[in-house]
N, C-alpha and C. Protein backbone atom coordinates (compact mmCIF):
# COMPACT_ATOMS: atom_id res chain seq x y z
N MET A 1 104.52 99.68 117.18
CA MET A 1 104.01 100.65 118.13
C MET A 1 102.57 100.90 117.76
N LYS A 2 101.69 100.80 118.72
CA LYS A 2 100.28 100.99 118.46
C LYS A 2 99.87 102.40 118.81
N ARG A 3 98.99 102.95 118.06
CA ARG A 3 98.49 104.30 118.31
C ARG A 3 97.28 104.22 119.22
N LEU A 4 96.96 105.35 119.81
CA LEU A 4 95.94 105.42 120.83
C LEU A 4 94.55 105.00 120.40
N VAL A 5 93.96 105.72 119.55
CA VAL A 5 92.53 105.62 119.34
C VAL A 5 92.22 105.36 117.89
N SER A 6 91.23 104.57 117.64
CA SER A 6 90.74 104.42 116.29
C SER A 6 89.28 104.79 116.30
N PHE A 7 88.96 105.93 115.75
CA PHE A 7 87.58 106.39 115.74
C PHE A 7 86.86 105.74 114.58
N SER A 8 85.64 105.33 114.83
CA SER A 8 84.86 104.81 113.72
C SER A 8 83.86 105.85 113.26
N ALA A 9 84.09 107.10 113.66
CA ALA A 9 83.21 108.19 113.24
C ALA A 9 83.33 108.40 111.75
N ALA A 10 82.28 108.82 111.17
CA ALA A 10 82.24 109.24 109.76
C ALA A 10 83.27 108.49 108.96
N GLY A 11 82.97 107.37 108.52
CA GLY A 11 83.92 106.49 107.87
C GLY A 11 84.83 107.18 106.90
N CYS A 12 86.07 106.90 107.05
CA CYS A 12 87.07 107.48 106.18
C CYS A 12 87.83 106.31 105.60
N ALA A 13 87.44 105.82 104.49
CA ALA A 13 88.08 104.63 103.94
C ALA A 13 89.32 105.02 103.17
N ILE A 14 90.43 104.51 103.59
CA ILE A 14 91.61 104.75 102.79
C ILE A 14 91.59 103.72 101.70
N ALA A 15 91.85 104.14 100.54
CA ALA A 15 91.83 103.18 99.50
C ALA A 15 92.90 103.55 98.52
N ALA A 16 93.18 102.68 97.60
CA ALA A 16 94.31 102.93 96.78
C ALA A 16 94.04 102.52 95.37
N ALA A 17 95.03 102.82 94.55
CA ALA A 17 94.85 102.51 93.17
C ALA A 17 96.19 102.34 92.53
N LEU A 18 96.22 101.59 91.46
CA LEU A 18 97.43 101.37 90.71
C LEU A 18 97.13 101.65 89.27
N ALA A 19 98.14 101.89 88.53
CA ALA A 19 98.04 101.77 87.11
C ALA A 19 98.91 102.77 86.45
N ILE A 20 99.30 102.42 85.30
CA ILE A 20 100.04 103.33 84.46
C ILE A 20 99.05 104.30 83.85
N ALA A 21 97.89 103.82 83.51
CA ALA A 21 96.83 104.66 82.97
C ALA A 21 95.59 104.46 83.81
N VAL A 22 94.78 105.48 83.92
CA VAL A 22 93.55 105.37 84.67
C VAL A 22 92.58 104.50 83.90
N PRO A 23 91.96 103.51 84.56
CA PRO A 23 91.07 102.61 83.85
C PRO A 23 89.77 103.28 83.43
N ALA A 24 89.01 102.55 82.64
CA ALA A 24 87.75 103.06 82.14
C ALA A 24 86.76 103.28 83.26
N ARG A 25 85.75 104.11 83.03
CA ARG A 25 84.68 104.33 83.98
C ARG A 25 83.87 103.05 84.16
N ALA A 26 83.14 102.99 85.26
CA ALA A 26 82.39 101.78 85.60
C ALA A 26 81.48 101.33 84.45
N ALA A 27 80.82 102.25 83.79
CA ALA A 27 79.89 101.89 82.73
C ALA A 27 80.59 101.23 81.55
N ASP A 28 81.88 101.50 81.38
CA ASP A 28 82.62 100.94 80.26
C ASP A 28 83.36 99.64 80.60
N THR A 29 83.27 99.21 81.85
CA THR A 29 84.05 98.06 82.30
C THR A 29 83.14 96.84 82.37
N THR A 30 83.38 95.86 81.53
CA THR A 30 82.45 94.74 81.46
C THR A 30 83.11 93.37 81.50
N GLN A 31 84.42 93.26 81.48
CA GLN A 31 85.05 91.96 81.38
C GLN A 31 85.29 91.32 82.75
N ASP A 32 85.19 90.00 82.78
CA ASP A 32 85.58 89.19 83.94
C ASP A 32 84.98 89.65 85.26
N GLY A 33 83.77 90.09 85.27
CA GLY A 33 83.13 90.49 86.51
C GLY A 33 83.61 91.82 87.06
N THR A 34 84.44 92.53 86.31
CA THR A 34 84.95 93.80 86.81
C THR A 34 83.83 94.80 87.04
N ALA A 35 82.85 94.83 86.15
CA ALA A 35 81.74 95.78 86.32
C ALA A 35 81.00 95.51 87.62
N ALA A 36 80.81 94.24 87.95
CA ALA A 36 80.13 93.89 89.21
C ALA A 36 80.98 94.31 90.41
N ALA A 37 82.29 94.13 90.32
CA ALA A 37 83.17 94.53 91.41
C ALA A 37 83.16 96.04 91.59
N VAL A 38 83.18 96.79 90.49
CA VAL A 38 83.13 98.25 90.57
C VAL A 38 81.81 98.70 91.19
N LYS A 39 80.72 98.08 90.79
CA LYS A 39 79.41 98.44 91.34
C LYS A 39 79.36 98.15 92.83
N ARG A 40 79.89 96.99 93.23
CA ARG A 40 79.94 96.64 94.65
C ARG A 40 80.84 97.63 95.40
N GLY A 41 81.97 97.99 94.80
CA GLY A 41 82.87 98.95 95.43
C GLY A 41 82.22 100.31 95.63
N GLN A 42 81.45 100.75 94.64
CA GLN A 42 80.75 102.03 94.77
C GLN A 42 79.77 101.97 95.93
N TYR A 43 79.05 100.88 96.04
CA TYR A 43 78.11 100.67 97.15
C TYR A 43 78.86 100.74 98.49
N LEU A 44 79.97 100.03 98.59
CA LEU A 44 80.73 99.99 99.84
C LEU A 44 81.30 101.36 100.20
N VAL A 45 81.87 102.07 99.22
CA VAL A 45 82.41 103.40 99.48
C VAL A 45 81.30 104.32 99.97
N THR A 46 80.09 104.13 99.48
CA THR A 46 78.95 104.93 99.92
C THR A 46 78.55 104.60 101.35
N ILE A 47 78.36 103.32 101.66
CA ILE A 47 77.90 102.97 103.02
C ILE A 47 79.00 103.10 104.06
N LEU A 48 80.26 103.02 103.65
CA LEU A 48 81.37 103.23 104.58
C LEU A 48 81.64 104.72 104.81
N ALA A 49 80.89 105.56 104.12
CA ALA A 49 80.94 107.02 104.29
C ALA A 49 82.32 107.60 104.00
N CYS A 50 82.99 107.10 102.98
CA CYS A 50 84.33 107.59 102.62
C CYS A 50 84.32 109.08 102.31
N ASN A 51 83.24 109.56 101.70
CA ASN A 51 83.16 110.98 101.36
C ASN A 51 83.09 111.87 102.60
N ASP A 52 82.66 111.32 103.73
CA ASP A 52 82.57 112.12 104.95
C ASP A 52 83.91 112.66 105.39
N CYS A 53 84.98 111.95 105.09
CA CYS A 53 86.32 112.42 105.49
C CYS A 53 87.22 112.76 104.31
N HIS A 54 87.08 112.06 103.21
CA HIS A 54 88.02 112.22 102.10
C HIS A 54 87.55 113.21 101.04
N THR A 55 86.31 113.69 101.14
CA THR A 55 85.81 114.73 100.24
C THR A 55 85.63 115.99 101.08
N PRO A 56 86.35 117.08 100.75
CA PRO A 56 86.23 118.30 101.57
C PRO A 56 84.80 118.80 101.63
N PHE A 57 84.41 119.28 102.79
CA PHE A 57 83.08 119.85 102.97
C PHE A 57 83.07 121.30 102.49
N LYS A 58 81.91 121.73 102.06
CA LYS A 58 81.65 123.13 101.73
C LYS A 58 80.31 123.48 102.38
N MET A 59 80.01 124.74 102.47
CA MET A 59 78.73 125.14 103.04
C MET A 59 77.66 125.07 101.96
N GLY A 60 76.62 124.31 102.23
CA GLY A 60 75.49 124.16 101.31
C GLY A 60 74.26 124.84 101.87
N PRO A 61 73.13 124.74 101.19
CA PRO A 61 71.91 125.42 101.64
C PRO A 61 71.41 124.93 103.00
N LYS A 62 71.75 123.69 103.36
CA LYS A 62 71.30 123.13 104.65
C LYS A 62 72.46 122.95 105.63
N GLY A 63 73.61 123.56 105.33
CA GLY A 63 74.77 123.41 106.20
C GLY A 63 75.91 122.71 105.47
N PRO A 64 76.91 122.23 106.21
CA PRO A 64 78.06 121.58 105.58
C PRO A 64 77.67 120.34 104.79
N GLU A 65 78.28 120.20 103.62
CA GLU A 65 78.04 119.04 102.77
C GLU A 65 79.29 118.76 101.95
N PRO A 66 79.51 117.49 101.56
CA PRO A 66 80.69 117.18 100.74
C PRO A 66 80.66 117.93 99.41
N ASP A 67 81.82 118.47 99.02
CA ASP A 67 81.98 119.16 97.74
C ASP A 67 82.32 118.10 96.70
N MET A 68 81.32 117.60 96.00
CA MET A 68 81.52 116.48 95.09
C MET A 68 82.34 116.84 93.85
N THR A 69 82.64 118.12 93.64
CA THR A 69 83.57 118.48 92.56
C THR A 69 85.00 118.10 92.95
N ARG A 70 85.21 117.83 94.24
CA ARG A 70 86.52 117.41 94.75
C ARG A 70 86.42 116.04 95.41
N MET A 71 85.56 115.21 94.86
CA MET A 71 85.25 113.90 95.45
C MET A 71 86.51 113.07 95.73
N LEU A 72 86.65 112.70 96.99
CA LEU A 72 87.70 111.81 97.48
C LEU A 72 89.12 112.34 97.27
N SER A 73 89.26 113.67 97.11
CA SER A 73 90.59 114.25 96.86
C SER A 73 91.36 114.58 98.14
N GLY A 74 90.77 114.36 99.31
CA GLY A 74 91.47 114.57 100.57
C GLY A 74 91.52 116.02 101.01
N HIS A 75 92.37 116.27 102.01
CA HIS A 75 92.50 117.62 102.55
C HIS A 75 93.01 118.57 101.47
N PRO A 76 92.33 119.71 101.28
CA PRO A 76 92.75 120.64 100.22
C PRO A 76 94.14 121.21 100.47
N GLU A 77 95.01 121.09 99.47
CA GLU A 77 96.39 121.56 99.63
C GLU A 77 96.45 123.06 99.91
N ALA A 78 95.50 123.84 99.41
CA ALA A 78 95.52 125.29 99.61
C ALA A 78 95.09 125.69 101.03
N MET A 79 94.53 124.76 101.78
CA MET A 79 94.06 125.08 103.13
C MET A 79 95.17 124.76 104.14
N LYS A 80 95.94 125.78 104.48
CA LYS A 80 97.03 125.62 105.45
C LYS A 80 96.43 125.74 106.85
N MET A 81 96.62 124.72 107.64
CA MET A 81 96.02 124.69 108.97
C MET A 81 96.92 125.38 110.00
N PRO A 82 96.33 126.16 110.92
CA PRO A 82 97.12 126.73 112.01
C PRO A 82 97.49 125.62 113.00
N LYS A 83 98.33 125.96 113.95
CA LYS A 83 98.70 125.00 114.98
C LYS A 83 97.43 124.50 115.68
N ALA A 84 97.37 123.21 115.89
CA ALA A 84 96.19 122.62 116.50
C ALA A 84 96.08 123.02 117.97
N PRO A 85 94.85 123.23 118.45
CA PRO A 85 94.69 123.53 119.87
C PRO A 85 95.06 122.31 120.71
N ALA A 86 95.48 122.56 121.93
CA ALA A 86 95.81 121.45 122.83
C ALA A 86 94.52 120.78 123.28
N ALA A 87 94.58 119.47 123.39
CA ALA A 87 93.42 118.72 123.88
C ALA A 87 93.21 119.08 125.35
N ALA A 88 91.97 119.35 125.72
CA ALA A 88 91.68 119.71 127.10
C ALA A 88 90.37 119.08 127.54
N GLY A 89 90.37 118.50 128.72
CA GLY A 89 89.16 117.93 129.27
C GLY A 89 88.56 116.88 128.35
N PRO A 90 87.26 116.94 128.15
CA PRO A 90 86.63 115.92 127.31
C PRO A 90 86.85 116.16 125.81
N TRP A 91 87.43 117.31 125.43
CA TRP A 91 87.72 117.58 124.01
C TRP A 91 89.07 116.95 123.67
N LEU A 92 89.04 115.66 123.40
CA LEU A 92 90.27 114.91 123.15
C LEU A 92 90.81 115.11 121.75
N TRP A 93 89.94 115.41 120.78
CA TRP A 93 90.40 115.63 119.42
C TRP A 93 89.55 116.70 118.75
N TYR A 94 90.09 117.25 117.64
CA TYR A 94 89.45 118.34 116.91
C TYR A 94 89.43 118.02 115.42
N GLY A 95 88.46 118.57 114.73
CA GLY A 95 88.38 118.41 113.28
C GLY A 95 88.22 119.75 112.59
N ALA A 96 88.79 119.86 111.39
CA ALA A 96 88.68 121.09 110.60
C ALA A 96 87.27 121.22 110.00
N ALA A 97 86.93 122.43 109.61
CA ALA A 97 85.62 122.68 109.02
C ALA A 97 85.39 121.86 107.75
N THR A 98 86.45 121.53 107.04
CA THR A 98 86.31 120.72 105.83
C THR A 98 86.14 119.23 106.16
N ASN A 99 86.31 118.87 107.42
CA ASN A 99 86.27 117.48 107.87
C ASN A 99 87.37 116.64 107.22
N THR A 100 88.49 117.28 106.91
CA THR A 100 89.61 116.57 106.27
C THR A 100 90.91 116.67 107.06
N ALA A 101 90.91 117.37 108.20
CA ALA A 101 92.10 117.48 109.04
C ALA A 101 91.67 117.26 110.48
N TYR A 102 92.49 116.53 111.23
CA TYR A 102 92.13 116.12 112.58
C TYR A 102 93.35 116.23 113.48
N ALA A 103 93.13 116.69 114.72
CA ALA A 103 94.21 116.80 115.69
C ALA A 103 93.80 116.08 116.97
N GLY A 104 94.73 115.36 117.55
CA GLY A 104 94.47 114.64 118.79
C GLY A 104 95.77 114.16 119.37
N PRO A 105 95.71 113.25 120.33
CA PRO A 105 96.93 112.76 120.97
C PRO A 105 97.93 112.13 120.01
N TRP A 106 97.46 111.70 118.85
CA TRP A 106 98.34 111.09 117.86
C TRP A 106 99.12 112.13 117.05
N GLY A 107 98.70 113.39 117.11
CA GLY A 107 99.31 114.45 116.31
C GLY A 107 98.25 115.08 115.42
N VAL A 108 98.61 115.34 114.18
CA VAL A 108 97.66 115.91 113.20
C VAL A 108 97.64 115.00 111.99
N SER A 109 96.45 114.61 111.59
CA SER A 109 96.32 113.76 110.40
C SER A 109 95.43 114.46 109.39
N TYR A 110 95.68 114.12 108.12
CA TYR A 110 94.94 114.72 107.01
C TYR A 110 94.36 113.60 106.16
N ALA A 111 93.12 113.77 105.74
CA ALA A 111 92.49 112.76 104.88
C ALA A 111 93.26 112.67 103.56
N ALA A 112 93.56 111.46 103.16
CA ALA A 112 94.35 111.21 101.96
C ALA A 112 93.55 111.45 100.68
N ASN A 113 94.27 111.72 99.61
CA ASN A 113 93.70 111.82 98.28
C ASN A 113 93.52 110.39 97.77
N LEU A 114 92.30 109.95 97.64
CA LEU A 114 92.01 108.58 97.20
C LEU A 114 91.75 108.47 95.71
N THR A 115 91.89 109.57 95.00
CA THR A 115 91.66 109.50 93.56
C THR A 115 92.86 108.83 92.90
N PRO A 116 92.68 108.32 91.69
CA PRO A 116 93.80 107.64 91.03
C PRO A 116 94.81 108.57 90.37
N ASP A 117 94.94 109.80 90.88
CA ASP A 117 95.98 110.70 90.36
C ASP A 117 97.34 110.06 90.62
N GLN A 118 98.18 110.03 89.58
CA GLN A 118 99.46 109.33 89.66
C GLN A 118 100.48 110.00 90.58
N ASN A 119 100.43 111.31 90.73
CA ASN A 119 101.44 112.00 91.51
C ASN A 119 100.99 112.40 92.90
N THR A 120 99.73 112.72 93.08
CA THR A 120 99.28 113.21 94.38
C THR A 120 98.23 112.32 95.02
N GLY A 121 97.66 111.43 94.25
CA GLY A 121 96.67 110.50 94.78
C GLY A 121 97.31 109.16 95.06
N LEU A 122 96.54 108.13 94.92
CA LEU A 122 97.03 106.79 95.21
C LEU A 122 97.13 105.95 93.95
N GLY A 123 97.42 106.63 92.85
CA GLY A 123 97.47 105.96 91.56
C GLY A 123 98.56 104.94 91.38
N ILE A 124 99.58 104.96 92.23
CA ILE A 124 100.67 103.98 92.06
C ILE A 124 100.49 102.77 92.97
N TRP A 125 99.48 102.79 93.81
CA TRP A 125 99.26 101.65 94.70
C TRP A 125 98.74 100.45 93.91
N THR A 126 99.11 99.27 94.35
CA THR A 126 98.57 98.04 93.77
C THR A 126 97.39 97.57 94.62
N GLU A 127 96.63 96.69 94.07
CA GLU A 127 95.52 96.09 94.81
C GLU A 127 96.05 95.42 96.08
N ASP A 128 97.16 94.71 95.97
CA ASP A 128 97.75 94.03 97.11
C ASP A 128 98.17 95.03 98.19
N MET A 129 98.77 96.15 97.81
CA MET A 129 99.15 97.19 98.78
C MET A 129 97.92 97.71 99.51
N PHE A 130 96.85 97.95 98.77
CA PHE A 130 95.62 98.46 99.35
C PHE A 130 95.06 97.51 100.40
N VAL A 131 94.93 96.25 100.03
CA VAL A 131 94.39 95.25 100.95
C VAL A 131 95.28 95.15 102.19
N LYS A 132 96.58 95.07 102.00
CA LYS A 132 97.51 94.96 103.14
C LYS A 132 97.48 96.20 104.01
N ALA A 133 97.35 97.37 103.41
CA ALA A 133 97.29 98.60 104.21
C ALA A 133 96.11 98.57 105.17
N LEU A 134 94.96 98.12 104.69
CA LEU A 134 93.79 98.09 105.55
C LEU A 134 93.85 96.93 106.54
N ARG A 135 94.60 95.91 106.24
CA ARG A 135 94.75 94.79 107.18
C ARG A 135 95.77 95.12 108.28
N THR A 136 96.83 95.86 107.93
CA THR A 136 97.93 96.10 108.87
C THR A 136 97.92 97.48 109.51
N GLY A 137 97.18 98.43 108.92
CA GLY A 137 97.21 99.80 109.42
C GLY A 137 98.49 100.54 109.09
N LYS A 138 99.15 100.10 108.03
CA LYS A 138 100.40 100.73 107.59
C LYS A 138 100.18 101.39 106.24
N HIS A 139 100.56 102.66 106.14
CA HIS A 139 100.45 103.40 104.88
C HIS A 139 101.30 102.70 103.82
N MET A 140 100.74 102.50 102.66
CA MET A 140 101.38 101.79 101.55
C MET A 140 101.75 100.35 101.96
N ALA A 141 101.11 99.86 102.99
CA ALA A 141 101.25 98.49 103.49
C ALA A 141 102.56 98.23 104.21
N THR A 142 103.48 99.21 104.23
CA THR A 142 104.78 98.94 104.86
C THR A 142 105.34 100.10 105.65
N SER A 143 104.80 101.31 105.53
CA SER A 143 105.48 102.45 106.14
C SER A 143 104.79 102.91 107.42
N ARG A 144 104.57 104.19 107.56
CA ARG A 144 104.04 104.76 108.80
C ARG A 144 102.64 104.22 109.10
N GLU A 145 102.25 104.41 110.35
CA GLU A 145 100.92 103.98 110.76
C GLU A 145 99.84 104.86 110.12
N ILE A 146 98.70 104.25 109.84
CA ILE A 146 97.52 105.00 109.40
C ILE A 146 96.90 105.56 110.68
N LEU A 147 96.75 106.86 110.72
CA LEU A 147 96.35 107.55 111.95
C LEU A 147 94.84 107.72 112.07
N PRO A 148 94.36 107.95 113.31
CA PRO A 148 92.95 108.30 113.50
C PRO A 148 92.63 109.57 112.71
N PRO A 149 91.38 109.74 112.36
CA PRO A 149 90.23 108.92 112.72
C PRO A 149 89.94 107.79 111.74
N MET A 150 90.88 107.44 110.87
CA MET A 150 90.66 106.39 109.90
C MET A 150 90.39 105.06 110.60
N PRO A 151 89.21 104.50 110.42
CA PRO A 151 88.85 103.27 111.13
C PRO A 151 89.34 102.00 110.43
N TRP A 152 90.64 101.95 110.13
CA TRP A 152 91.17 100.79 109.41
C TRP A 152 90.98 99.47 110.17
N PRO A 153 90.99 99.45 111.52
CA PRO A 153 90.77 98.15 112.16
C PRO A 153 89.41 97.54 111.81
N SER A 154 88.41 98.39 111.64
CA SER A 154 87.08 97.89 111.24
C SER A 154 87.07 97.53 109.76
N TYR A 155 87.58 98.44 108.92
CA TYR A 155 87.57 98.19 107.48
C TYR A 155 88.44 96.99 107.13
N GLY A 156 89.49 96.76 107.89
CA GLY A 156 90.38 95.63 107.64
C GLY A 156 89.73 94.28 107.86
N LYS A 157 88.56 94.28 108.47
CA LYS A 157 87.83 93.03 108.67
C LYS A 157 86.91 92.69 107.50
N MET A 158 86.88 93.56 106.50
CA MET A 158 86.09 93.27 105.29
C MET A 158 86.70 92.07 104.59
N THR A 159 85.91 91.41 103.77
CA THR A 159 86.43 90.28 103.01
C THR A 159 87.41 90.77 101.95
N ASP A 160 88.26 89.89 101.49
CA ASP A 160 89.18 90.26 100.39
C ASP A 160 88.39 90.74 99.19
N ALA A 161 87.29 90.06 98.87
CA ALA A 161 86.49 90.44 97.71
C ALA A 161 85.95 91.87 97.86
N ASP A 162 85.50 92.22 99.06
CA ASP A 162 84.98 93.57 99.26
C ASP A 162 86.09 94.62 99.20
N LEU A 163 87.22 94.34 99.81
CA LEU A 163 88.34 95.29 99.73
C LEU A 163 88.79 95.49 98.28
N LYS A 164 88.83 94.40 97.53
CA LYS A 164 89.22 94.50 96.11
C LYS A 164 88.17 95.25 95.31
N SER A 165 86.90 95.13 95.70
CA SER A 165 85.84 95.89 95.02
C SER A 165 85.98 97.39 95.29
N VAL A 166 86.31 97.75 96.53
CA VAL A 166 86.53 99.17 96.84
C VAL A 166 87.68 99.69 95.99
N TYR A 167 88.75 98.92 95.93
CA TYR A 167 89.90 99.29 95.10
C TYR A 167 89.48 99.47 93.64
N ALA A 168 88.70 98.52 93.12
CA ALA A 168 88.27 98.59 91.72
C ALA A 168 87.45 99.85 91.47
N TYR A 169 86.55 100.18 92.38
CA TYR A 169 85.74 101.38 92.21
C TYR A 169 86.62 102.63 92.25
N LEU A 170 87.53 102.70 93.19
CA LEU A 170 88.38 103.90 93.30
C LEU A 170 89.22 104.11 92.06
N ARG A 171 89.47 103.06 91.31
CA ARG A 171 90.20 103.19 90.04
C ARG A 171 89.37 103.94 89.00
N THR A 172 88.05 104.02 89.22
CA THR A 172 87.18 104.63 88.21
C THR A 172 86.82 106.09 88.51
N VAL A 173 87.17 106.59 89.70
CA VAL A 173 86.78 107.97 90.01
C VAL A 173 87.70 108.94 89.29
N LYS A 174 87.25 110.16 89.18
CA LYS A 174 88.02 111.20 88.48
C LYS A 174 89.32 111.50 89.22
N PRO A 175 90.47 111.41 88.55
CA PRO A 175 91.72 111.77 89.20
C PRO A 175 91.76 113.28 89.46
N ILE A 176 92.15 113.66 90.66
CA ILE A 176 92.26 115.07 91.04
C ILE A 176 93.66 115.31 91.60
N THR A 177 94.35 116.28 91.04
CA THR A 177 95.67 116.64 91.56
C THR A 177 95.48 117.46 92.83
N ASN A 178 95.95 116.93 93.95
CA ASN A 178 95.82 117.61 95.24
C ASN A 178 96.86 117.04 96.19
N HIS A 179 97.88 117.84 96.50
CA HIS A 179 98.94 117.42 97.43
C HIS A 179 98.44 117.55 98.86
N VAL A 180 98.21 116.43 99.51
CA VAL A 180 97.78 116.44 100.91
C VAL A 180 99.02 116.54 101.79
N PRO A 181 98.99 117.39 102.83
CA PRO A 181 100.16 117.50 103.71
C PRO A 181 100.49 116.16 104.39
N ASP A 182 101.75 116.00 104.75
CA ASP A 182 102.15 114.82 105.52
C ASP A 182 101.59 114.95 106.93
N PRO A 183 101.30 113.83 107.58
CA PRO A 183 100.82 113.91 108.96
C PRO A 183 101.91 114.42 109.89
N GLU A 184 101.48 114.97 111.00
CA GLU A 184 102.41 115.41 112.05
C GLU A 184 102.21 114.45 113.21
N ILE A 185 103.11 113.49 113.35
CA ILE A 185 102.95 112.43 114.33
C ILE A 185 103.53 112.89 115.67
N ALA A 186 102.70 112.84 116.70
CA ALA A 186 103.14 113.25 118.04
C ALA A 186 104.05 112.19 118.63
N PRO A 187 105.02 112.61 119.42
CA PRO A 187 105.86 111.61 120.09
C PRO A 187 105.03 110.82 121.09
N MET A 188 105.36 109.57 121.22
CA MET A 188 104.66 108.73 122.18
C MET A 188 105.03 109.18 123.59
N PRO A 189 104.06 109.19 124.50
CA PRO A 189 104.40 109.55 125.88
C PRO A 189 105.31 108.48 126.48
N PRO A 190 106.11 108.86 127.48
CA PRO A 190 106.98 107.86 128.09
C PRO A 190 106.17 106.76 128.74
N ALA A 191 106.74 105.56 128.73
CA ALA A 191 106.06 104.42 129.37
C ALA A 191 106.03 104.65 130.88
N PRO A 192 104.97 104.17 131.52
CA PRO A 192 104.92 104.33 132.97
C PRO A 192 106.09 103.59 133.63
N ALA A 193 106.55 104.16 134.73
CA ALA A 193 107.66 103.55 135.46
C ALA A 193 107.23 102.20 136.01
N ALA A 194 108.13 101.25 135.98
CA ALA A 194 107.84 99.92 136.51
C ALA A 194 107.72 99.99 138.02
N LYS A 195 106.75 99.25 138.56
CA LYS A 195 106.58 99.20 140.01
C LYS A 195 107.67 98.34 140.60
N LYS A 196 108.16 98.77 141.76
CA LYS A 196 109.22 98.01 142.43
C LYS A 196 108.67 97.20 143.56
């Protein structure tokens, strides 16, 4: 079943991580080209604007800005969202002030915790799961659909090397414990009646 819209607004890269233990920081990783992959991954996470959706916004001196103390930790668990307003007219979807929760025809989606936290982040994901998730649009590569505004159809066109680099970099960020709510998936509208 395909979902309605894939927004490419403010890149929200879903990424994942595996490991029993969190790997060393980028500066400490030097074997087998891993340092180069981590550096490339950091570059990609920056230009893909992952922080625009996966790092909660706070009010700064010039307006909203990502709160880098919660880098890539997803929608804040303490921020309970009220019922989303109904889409009306040209306002097809809505976003929270933190830029981590979104409501639209697909339901309500929350930016995932991309840190390598083992219990609330994506610390148990494998590199293969990560690559497949972005190629197929399936959470954990096999389960529910990845919902808008995550632009996985675009990110899924990255090369394997680039996707693996993003994964490698995300393994190096600070793990943050943050339980992101489950998405609220709207029922699909009925199919149009067949013409007779």
